[in-house]
Amino acid sequence: MTRMAEERLVVYRRPGCPSCATLRARLALGRVPYTAVDLHRGPDAAAVVRAHNGGDERVPTVRLDGDRWCRNPSHRDLRAAMPG
């Protein structure tokens, strides 16, 4: 993914999570560029998710445009939240 994609949409995920797989498939079908971050790849990713979910590691957690966060959003919610 490009640096621009990293800044616009980041999906924090966990392997085996059905909601994460569904969201990623919908983003791929819609050709929406994003960066995926695996919570098992390091403690920093899990800490970021906990910080934006009241201490919970709920996934998928999505960061939009560097400063907006949503938890388990629908594809429609993501499309509406993204400019352009």
N, C-alpha and C. Protein backbone atom coordinates (compact mmCIF):
# COMPACT_ATOMS: atom_id res chain seq x y z
N MET A 1 0.83 -1.18 0.00
CA MET A 1 0.00 0.00 0.00
C MET A 1 0.88 1.25 0.00
N THR A 2 0.36 2.29 -0.51
CA THR A 2 1.10 3.55 -0.55
C THR A 2 0.99 4.27 0.79
N ARG A 3 1.84 5.25 0.98
CA ARG A 3 1.78 6.06 2.21
C ARG A 3 0.42 6.73 2.31
N MET A 4 -0.13 7.18 1.19
CA MET A 4 -1.45 7.82 1.19
C MET A 4 -2.51 6.85 1.71
N ALA A 5 -2.45 5.59 1.26
CA ALA A 5 -3.42 4.60 1.73
C ALA A 5 -3.28 4.38 3.23
N GLU A 6 -2.03 4.36 3.73
CA GLU A 6 -1.81 4.16 5.15
C GLU A 6 -2.45 5.29 5.95
N GLU A 7 -2.38 6.49 5.47
CA GLU A 7 -2.93 7.63 6.19
C GLU A 7 -4.45 7.68 6.10
N ARG A 8 -5.03 7.20 5.03
CA ARG A 8 -6.48 7.32 4.85
C ARG A 8 -7.26 6.24 5.57
N LEU A 9 -6.83 4.99 5.48
CA LEU A 9 -7.62 3.89 6.04
C LEU A 9 -6.70 2.79 6.55
N VAL A 10 -6.77 2.54 7.85
CA VAL A 10 -5.99 1.47 8.47
C VAL A 10 -6.97 0.56 9.19
N VAL A 11 -6.90 -0.74 8.90
CA VAL A 11 -7.77 -1.73 9.51
C VAL A 11 -6.94 -2.56 10.49
N TYR A 12 -7.24 -2.42 11.78
CA TYR A 12 -6.61 -3.25 12.81
C TYR A 12 -7.43 -4.52 12.90
N ARG A 13 -6.75 -5.67 12.78
CA ARG A 13 -7.45 -6.94 12.66
C ARG A 13 -6.77 -8.02 13.47
N ARG A 14 -7.45 -9.16 13.59
CA ARG A 14 -6.91 -10.34 14.23
C ARG A 14 -7.14 -11.52 13.29
N PRO A 15 -6.14 -12.38 13.09
CA PRO A 15 -6.34 -13.56 12.23
C PRO A 15 -7.49 -14.42 12.75
N GLY A 16 -8.30 -14.88 11.84
CA GLY A 16 -9.43 -15.74 12.19
C GLY A 16 -10.70 -15.00 12.58
N CYS A 17 -10.65 -13.68 12.59
CA CYS A 17 -11.83 -12.89 12.96
C CYS A 17 -12.77 -12.80 11.76
N PRO A 18 -13.99 -13.35 11.86
CA PRO A 18 -14.91 -13.31 10.72
C PRO A 18 -15.31 -11.89 10.31
N SER A 19 -15.50 -11.00 11.28
CA SER A 19 -15.86 -9.61 10.94
C SER A 19 -14.73 -8.92 10.19
N CYS A 20 -13.49 -9.21 10.59
CA CYS A 20 -12.33 -8.64 9.91
C CYS A 20 -12.25 -9.14 8.48
N ALA A 21 -12.47 -10.44 8.29
CA ALA A 21 -12.41 -11.02 6.95
C ALA A 21 -13.50 -10.43 6.06
N THR A 22 -14.69 -10.26 6.60
CA THR A 22 -15.79 -9.68 5.82
C THR A 22 -15.48 -8.25 5.41
N LEU A 23 -15.00 -7.45 6.36
CA LEU A 23 -14.67 -6.07 6.04
C LEU A 23 -13.56 -5.99 4.99
N ARG A 24 -12.52 -6.78 5.15
CA ARG A 24 -11.42 -6.75 4.20
C ARG A 24 -11.87 -7.19 2.81
N ALA A 25 -12.75 -8.19 2.74
CA ALA A 25 -13.26 -8.64 1.44
C ALA A 25 -14.08 -7.54 0.77
N ARG A 26 -14.90 -6.85 1.54
CA ARG A 26 -15.71 -5.76 0.98
C ARG A 26 -14.84 -4.61 0.50
N LEU A 27 -13.80 -4.29 1.26
CA LEU A 27 -12.88 -3.23 0.84
C LEU A 27 -12.16 -3.63 -0.45
N ALA A 28 -11.75 -4.89 -0.52
CA ALA A 28 -11.06 -5.36 -1.72
C ALA A 28 -12.00 -5.33 -2.93
N LEU A 29 -13.23 -5.78 -2.75
CA LEU A 29 -14.19 -5.76 -3.86
C LEU A 29 -14.49 -4.34 -4.32
N GLY A 30 -14.52 -3.40 -3.38
CA GLY A 30 -14.76 -2.01 -3.72
C GLY A 30 -13.50 -1.27 -4.16
N ARG A 31 -12.39 -2.00 -4.19
CA ARG A 31 -11.09 -1.42 -4.57
C ARG A 31 -10.73 -0.21 -3.72
N VAL A 32 -11.03 -0.33 -2.43
CA VAL A 32 -10.71 0.72 -1.48
C VAL A 32 -9.32 0.41 -0.91
N PRO A 33 -8.35 1.29 -1.12
CA PRO A 33 -7.01 1.01 -0.59
C PRO A 33 -7.00 1.15 0.93
N TYR A 34 -6.30 0.24 1.57
CA TYR A 34 -6.19 0.27 3.02
C TYR A 34 -4.91 -0.45 3.44
N THR A 35 -4.54 -0.26 4.68
CA THR A 35 -3.43 -0.98 5.28
C THR A 35 -3.99 -1.83 6.40
N ALA A 36 -3.61 -3.10 6.45
CA ALA A 36 -4.06 -4.00 7.51
C ALA A 36 -2.95 -4.12 8.56
N VAL A 37 -3.35 -4.06 9.83
CA VAL A 37 -2.41 -4.21 10.94
C VAL A 37 -2.89 -5.38 11.79
N ASP A 38 -2.06 -6.40 11.93
CA ASP A 38 -2.36 -7.60 12.70
C ASP A 38 -2.06 -7.35 14.18
N LEU A 39 -3.04 -7.55 15.06
CA LEU A 39 -2.82 -7.33 16.49
C LEU A 39 -1.78 -8.27 17.08
N HIS A 40 -1.54 -9.41 16.45
CA HIS A 40 -0.57 -10.37 16.96
C HIS A 40 0.86 -10.04 16.56
N ARG A 41 1.06 -9.00 15.77
CA ARG A 41 2.40 -8.64 15.29
C ARG A 41 3.20 -7.81 16.28
N GLY A 42 2.59 -7.39 17.34
CA GLY A 42 3.32 -6.61 18.33
C GLY A 42 2.39 -5.96 19.32
N PRO A 43 2.91 -5.65 20.48
CA PRO A 43 2.06 -5.06 21.53
C PRO A 43 1.56 -3.66 21.19
N ASP A 44 2.25 -2.94 20.33
CA ASP A 44 1.83 -1.58 20.00
C ASP A 44 0.47 -1.55 19.32
N ALA A 45 0.24 -2.46 18.39
CA ALA A 45 -1.04 -2.48 17.67
C ALA A 45 -2.20 -2.77 18.63
N ALA A 46 -2.01 -3.74 19.51
CA ALA A 46 -3.06 -4.06 20.47
C ALA A 46 -3.31 -2.89 21.41
N ALA A 47 -2.26 -2.21 21.82
CA ALA A 47 -2.41 -1.05 22.72
C ALA A 47 -3.18 0.08 22.03
N VAL A 48 -2.93 0.29 20.75
CA VAL A 48 -3.65 1.32 20.00
C VAL A 48 -5.14 0.99 19.96
N VAL A 49 -5.47 -0.26 19.70
CA VAL A 49 -6.87 -0.67 19.63
C VAL A 49 -7.53 -0.52 21.00
N ARG A 50 -6.85 -0.95 22.05
CA ARG A 50 -7.41 -0.80 23.40
C ARG A 50 -7.66 0.67 23.74
N ALA A 51 -6.76 1.54 23.33
CA ALA A 51 -6.89 2.97 23.63
C ALA A 51 -8.12 3.59 22.98
N HIS A 52 -8.58 3.01 21.88
CA HIS A 52 -9.73 3.58 21.17
C HIS A 52 -11.02 2.78 21.37
N ASN A 53 -10.95 1.77 22.24
CA ASN A 53 -12.13 0.94 22.49
C ASN A 53 -12.36 0.71 23.98
N GLY A 54 -12.05 1.70 24.79
CA GLY A 54 -12.31 1.58 26.22
C GLY A 54 -11.61 0.42 26.89
N GLY A 55 -10.42 0.06 26.41
CA GLY A 55 -9.66 -1.03 26.99
C GLY A 55 -9.88 -2.37 26.32
N ASP A 56 -10.84 -2.47 25.43
CA ASP A 56 -11.13 -3.73 24.73
C ASP A 56 -10.30 -3.85 23.45
N GLU A 57 -10.01 -5.10 23.08
CA GLU A 57 -9.31 -5.35 21.81
C GLU A 57 -10.31 -5.78 20.74
N ARG A 58 -11.37 -5.02 20.58
CA ARG A 58 -12.41 -5.34 19.60
C ARG A 58 -11.92 -5.01 18.21
N VAL A 59 -12.12 -5.95 17.33
CA VAL A 59 -11.71 -5.77 15.94
C VAL A 59 -12.86 -6.18 15.03
N PRO A 60 -12.91 -5.65 13.82
CA PRO A 60 -11.96 -4.69 13.28
C PRO A 60 -12.17 -3.30 13.88
N THR A 61 -11.07 -2.65 14.15
CA THR A 61 -11.06 -1.25 14.53
C THR A 61 -10.39 -0.51 13.38
N VAL A 62 -11.00 0.56 12.95
CA VAL A 62 -10.55 1.26 11.73
C VAL A 62 -10.19 2.69 12.05
N ARG A 63 -9.03 3.12 11.52
CA ARG A 63 -8.61 4.52 11.62
C ARG A 63 -8.78 5.15 10.24
N LEU A 64 -9.53 6.25 10.20
CA LEU A 64 -9.78 6.98 8.96
C LEU A 64 -9.05 8.30 8.97
N ASP A 65 -8.35 8.59 7.93
CA ASP A 65 -7.68 9.89 7.75
C ASP A 65 -6.82 10.29 8.93
N GLY A 66 -6.25 9.32 9.63
CA GLY A 66 -5.30 9.59 10.68
C GLY A 66 -5.86 9.97 12.03
N ASP A 67 -7.13 10.37 12.13
CA ASP A 67 -7.62 10.82 13.43
C ASP A 67 -9.06 10.42 13.76
N ARG A 68 -9.75 9.76 12.86
CA ARG A 68 -11.12 9.31 13.13
C ARG A 68 -11.10 7.79 13.29
N TRP A 69 -11.81 7.30 14.28
CA TRP A 69 -11.80 5.88 14.61
C TRP A 69 -13.22 5.32 14.62
N CYS A 70 -13.36 4.07 14.19
CA CYS A 70 -14.65 3.38 14.31
C CYS A 70 -14.39 1.90 14.56
N ARG A 71 -15.33 1.28 15.24
CA ARG A 71 -15.19 -0.13 15.60
C ARG A 71 -16.21 -0.94 14.83
N ASN A 72 -15.74 -1.96 14.16
CA ASN A 72 -16.57 -2.88 13.38
C ASN A 72 -17.57 -2.13 12.49
N PRO A 73 -17.06 -1.22 11.65
CA PRO A 73 -17.97 -0.44 10.80
C PRO A 73 -18.49 -1.27 9.63
N SER A 74 -19.65 -0.89 9.16
CA SER A 74 -20.14 -1.50 7.93
C SER A 74 -19.38 -0.87 6.76
N HIS A 75 -19.39 -1.54 5.64
CA HIS A 75 -18.75 -0.98 4.45
C HIS A 75 -19.41 0.34 4.07
N ARG A 76 -20.72 0.42 4.20
CA ARG A 76 -21.46 1.64 3.88
C ARG A 76 -21.01 2.79 4.80
N ASP A 77 -20.82 2.50 6.07
CA ASP A 77 -20.36 3.52 7.01
C ASP A 77 -18.98 4.04 6.61
N LEU A 78 -18.09 3.12 6.20
CA LEU A 78 -16.76 3.55 5.78
C LEU A 78 -16.80 4.40 4.53
N ARG A 79 -17.58 3.99 3.57
CA ARG A 79 -17.68 4.76 2.32
C ARG A 79 -18.24 6.15 2.59
N ALA A 80 -19.22 6.25 3.48
CA ALA A 80 -19.82 7.54 3.79
C ALA A 80 -18.83 8.45 4.54
N ALA A 81 -17.97 7.85 5.34
CA ALA A 81 -17.03 8.62 6.15
C ALA A 81 -15.82 9.08 5.37
N MET A 82 -15.51 8.41 4.26
CA MET A 82 -14.32 8.76 3.49
C MET A 82 -14.65 9.84 2.47
N PRO A 83 -13.82 10.87 2.40
CA PRO A 83 -14.05 11.90 1.39
C PRO A 83 -13.81 11.37 -0.01
N GLY A 84 -14.49 11.95 -0.98
CA GLY A 84 -14.28 11.58 -2.39
C GLY A 84 -14.88 10.33 -2.69
